[in-house]
Protein backbone atom coordinates (compact mmCIF):
# COMPACT_ATOMS: atom_id res chain seq x y z
CA MET A 1 -17.90 18.15 5.76
CA ILE A 2 -14.42 17.01 4.69
CA SER A 3 -11.83 19.65 5.46
CA GLN A 4 -9.12 18.10 3.28
CA PRO A 5 -9.55 16.12 0.09
CA SER A 6 -8.46 12.52 -0.17
CA ARG A 7 -4.97 11.65 -1.33
CA GLN A 8 -4.72 8.29 -3.02
CA CYS A 9 -2.04 6.18 -4.68
CA THR A 10 -2.63 2.80 -6.36
CA VAL A 11 -0.04 0.30 -7.58
CA GLU A 12 -0.90 -2.91 -9.46
CA LEU A 13 1.73 -5.65 -9.53
CA GLN A 14 2.68 -9.29 -9.39
CA ALA A 15 3.64 -9.97 -5.75
CA LEU A 16 7.12 -11.21 -6.52
CA PRO A 17 10.07 -10.55 -4.19
CA SER A 18 11.67 -8.09 -6.64
CA ARG A 19 8.42 -6.11 -6.94
CA ILE A 20 7.84 -5.92 -3.18
CA GLY A 21 10.95 -3.77 -2.70
CA GLN A 22 9.91 -1.49 -5.55
CA VAL A 23 6.45 -0.98 -4.06
CA ARG A 24 7.98 -0.29 -0.66
CA ARG A 25 10.05 2.50 -2.29
CA ILE A 26 6.94 3.90 -4.03
CA VAL A 27 5.01 3.90 -0.73
CA SER A 28 7.91 5.69 0.98
CA ALA A 29 8.19 8.27 -1.82
CA HIS A 30 4.48 9.09 -1.68
CA LEU A 31 4.51 9.44 2.07
CA ARG A 32 7.50 11.80 1.82
CA TYR A 33 5.68 13.79 -0.87
CA TRP A 34 2.61 13.99 1.35
CA HIS A 35 4.89 15.13 4.24
CA LEU A 36 4.07 12.02 6.24
CA ASP A 37 7.66 10.94 6.91
CA PRO A 38 6.86 9.63 10.43
CA LEU A 39 4.62 6.94 8.85
CA ILE A 40 7.16 5.59 6.37
CA ASP A 41 8.70 2.81 8.46
CA ARG A 42 5.38 1.41 9.70
CA ALA A 43 3.64 1.70 6.30
CA ALA A 44 6.60 0.09 4.50
CA LEU A 45 6.72 -2.76 7.01
CA GLY A 46 2.97 -3.34 6.76
CA VAL A 47 2.86 -3.32 2.96
CA THR A 48 5.90 -5.63 2.84
CA GLU A 49 4.20 -8.16 5.11
CA LEU A 50 0.90 -8.05 3.21
CA LEU A 51 2.61 -8.42 -0.18
CA THR A 52 4.74 -11.27 1.16
CA ASN A 53 1.53 -13.01 2.22
CA VAL A 54 0.17 -12.63 -1.32
CA HIS A 55 3.42 -14.02 -2.71
CA LEU A 56 3.40 -17.01 -0.35
CA HIS A 57 -0.29 -17.85 -0.10
CA ALA A 58 -2.50 -16.31 -2.81
CA ARG A 59 -4.02 -18.55 -5.46
CA PRO A 60 -4.69 -18.72 -8.39
CA ASP A 61 -2.21 -15.94 -9.19
CA LYS A 62 -0.02 -13.33 -7.53
CA THR A 63 -1.65 -10.31 -9.15
CA CYS A 64 -2.62 -7.72 -6.57
CA THR A 65 -3.26 -4.03 -6.03
CA VAL A 66 -1.82 -1.86 -3.26
CA GLU A 67 -3.81 1.23 -2.42
CA MET A 68 -2.88 4.01 -0.02
CA GLU A 69 -5.46 6.58 0.93
CA LEU A 70 -5.09 9.52 3.26
CA LEU A 71 -8.44 10.82 4.38
CA LEU A 72 -8.65 13.37 7.15
CA GLU A 73 -6.06 12.21 9.72
CA ARG A 74 -5.92 8.51 8.79
CA LEU A 75 -3.77 6.63 6.31
CA THR A 76 -5.27 3.37 5.07
CA VAL A 77 -3.08 0.89 3.21
CA SER A 78 -4.98 -1.91 1.44
CA VAL A 79 -3.83 -4.92 -0.56
CA TYR A 80 -6.37 -6.51 -2.91
CA ASP A 81 -5.75 -9.98 -4.38
CA HIS A 82 -7.67 -12.68 -6.24
CA ASP A 83 -7.72 -15.34 -3.50
CA PRO A 84 -11.02 -15.39 -1.58
CA ARG A 85 -9.51 -17.11 1.48
CA LEU A 86 -9.29 -14.66 4.38
CA PRO A 87 -6.05 -14.64 6.39
CA GLU A 88 -5.93 -15.74 9.98
CA LEU A 89 -3.87 -14.14 12.70
CA ARG A 90 -1.70 -16.86 14.25
CA GLU A 91 -0.40 -16.97 17.77
CA VAL A 92 3.21 -15.89 17.47
CA ASP A 93 5.96 -18.32 18.42
CA PRO A 94 9.06 -16.21 19.18
CA SER A 95 11.34 -18.92 17.76
CA SER A 96 9.42 -19.22 14.49
CA THR A 97 10.92 -17.79 11.32
CA SER A 98 7.60 -17.51 9.47
CA GLY A 99 3.91 -16.90 10.13
CA ARG A 100 4.38 -13.58 11.91
CA GLY A 101 3.35 -11.18 9.14
CA LEU A 102 -0.16 -10.32 10.30
CA ALA A 103 1.02 -10.13 13.91
CA MET A 104 3.62 -7.57 12.82
CA VAL A 105 0.97 -5.61 10.91
CA ALA A 106 -1.28 -5.69 13.97
CA ALA A 107 1.62 -4.49 16.16
CA VAL A 108 2.46 -1.42 14.04
CA ALA A 109 -1.07 -0.43 12.94
CA ASP A 110 -3.89 1.32 14.74
CA SER A 111 -6.29 -1.16 13.21
CA TRP A 112 -6.28 -3.84 10.53
CA GLY A 113 -8.69 -6.27 8.95
CA ALA A 114 -9.65 -8.39 5.98
CA ARG A 115 -12.87 -8.69 4.02
CA PRO A 116 -14.09 -10.40 0.86
CA ASP A 117 -13.79 -8.33 -2.31
CA GLY A 118 -16.35 -9.56 -4.79
CA ASP A 119 -16.82 -13.26 -5.41
CA SER A 120 -13.20 -14.21 -5.96
CA GLY A 121 -10.91 -11.99 -3.96
CA LYS A 122 -10.21 -10.18 -0.74
CA VAL A 123 -8.71 -7.02 0.65
CA VAL A 124 -6.43 -6.90 3.68
CA TRP A 125 -5.91 -3.42 5.12
CA PHE A 126 -4.36 -1.51 7.99
CA THR A 127 -4.58 2.07 9.23
CA LEU A 128 -2.10 4.50 10.72
CA PRO A 129 -2.81 7.88 12.32
CA ALA A 130 -1.56 10.75 10.18
CA PRO A 131 -0.13 13.92 11.69
CA VAL A 132 -2.56 16.84 11.62
CA SER A 133 0.16 19.12 10.24
CA ALA A 134 0.26 17.46 6.80
CA PRO A 135 -0.11 20.19 4.14
CA ALA A 136 -3.31 20.49 2.12
CA TRP A 137 -3.56 18.85 -1.30
CA PRO A 138 -2.80 19.53 -4.12
CA MET A 139 0.94 19.96 -3.80
CA ARG A 140 2.91 21.72 -6.54
CA GLY A 141 5.94 20.44 -8.44
CA PRO A 142 6.98 16.95 -9.52
CA THR A 143 5.41 14.04 -7.67
CA PRO A 144 6.80 10.59 -6.85
CA TYR A 145 4.74 9.44 -9.84
CA ASP A 146 6.71 11.78 -12.13
CA ARG A 147 9.99 10.54 -10.70
CA ALA A 148 8.89 6.90 -11.08
CA LEU A 149 8.55 7.48 -14.82
CA GLU A 150 12.30 8.10 -14.91
CA LEU A 151 13.14 4.78 -13.20
CA PRO A 152 13.80 1.58 -15.17
CA VAL A 153 10.86 -0.20 -13.56
CA ARG A 154 8.54 -2.48 -15.50
CA GLY A 155 5.56 -4.69 -14.82
CA TYR A 156 3.17 -2.68 -12.70
CA VAL A 157 0.82 0.27 -12.82
CA VAL A 158 0.95 3.39 -10.68
CA ALA A 159 -1.90 5.83 -10.23
CA ASP A 160 -2.20 8.89 -8.02
CA ARG A 161 -5.82 9.96 -8.22
CA GLY A 162 -5.24 13.00 -6.02
CA LYS A 163 -2.93 14.54 -8.59
CA GLU A 164 -4.62 17.01 -10.92
CA ARG A 165 -2.74 16.06 -14.10
CA ALA A 166 -2.41 12.28 -13.64
CA PRO A 167 -4.91 9.96 -15.26
CA ALA A 168 -6.68 7.44 -13.04
CA ARG A 169 -4.34 4.66 -14.23
CA SER A 170 -1.05 5.16 -16.02
CA VAL A 171 1.41 2.47 -17.02
CA VAL A 172 4.92 2.94 -15.73
CA ALA A 173 7.44 1.70 -18.27
CA GLY A 174 11.09 2.31 -18.67
């Protein structure tokens, strides 16, 4: 039996440097809304590293989806892209200025992994433990999704499937 329903947020985007910062702010806003402030720094770092990997390495395109799901006491952050090549964790050279993204994700996360997603894509994910004291869903009042509609942000889709009045996928345009 599940004692608390799932909370989920999905953002579709082109993994471009300007979009990565916007998604990091969306992730932070949702975690604040879900009263998971202690997870913000680690989740934002992890999503930044995974999106940077899509930007630097994914082929044929940079289209991807970031999904956050809180289920019971675990937050899972997943990044789906259209490149079937699975990432490899490299041995970290302390003097290197690149190639440390997955090592950083592994360092901040409880667990992480990658798996094929269909015939032409993959998902890379990590998990963080969520505090037991997070309030039950649904919350009342405006959500980060509502506030995002007021921002001049273009080019990606936000969905919060845990929200009663939000459709499964809504285009954010400003």
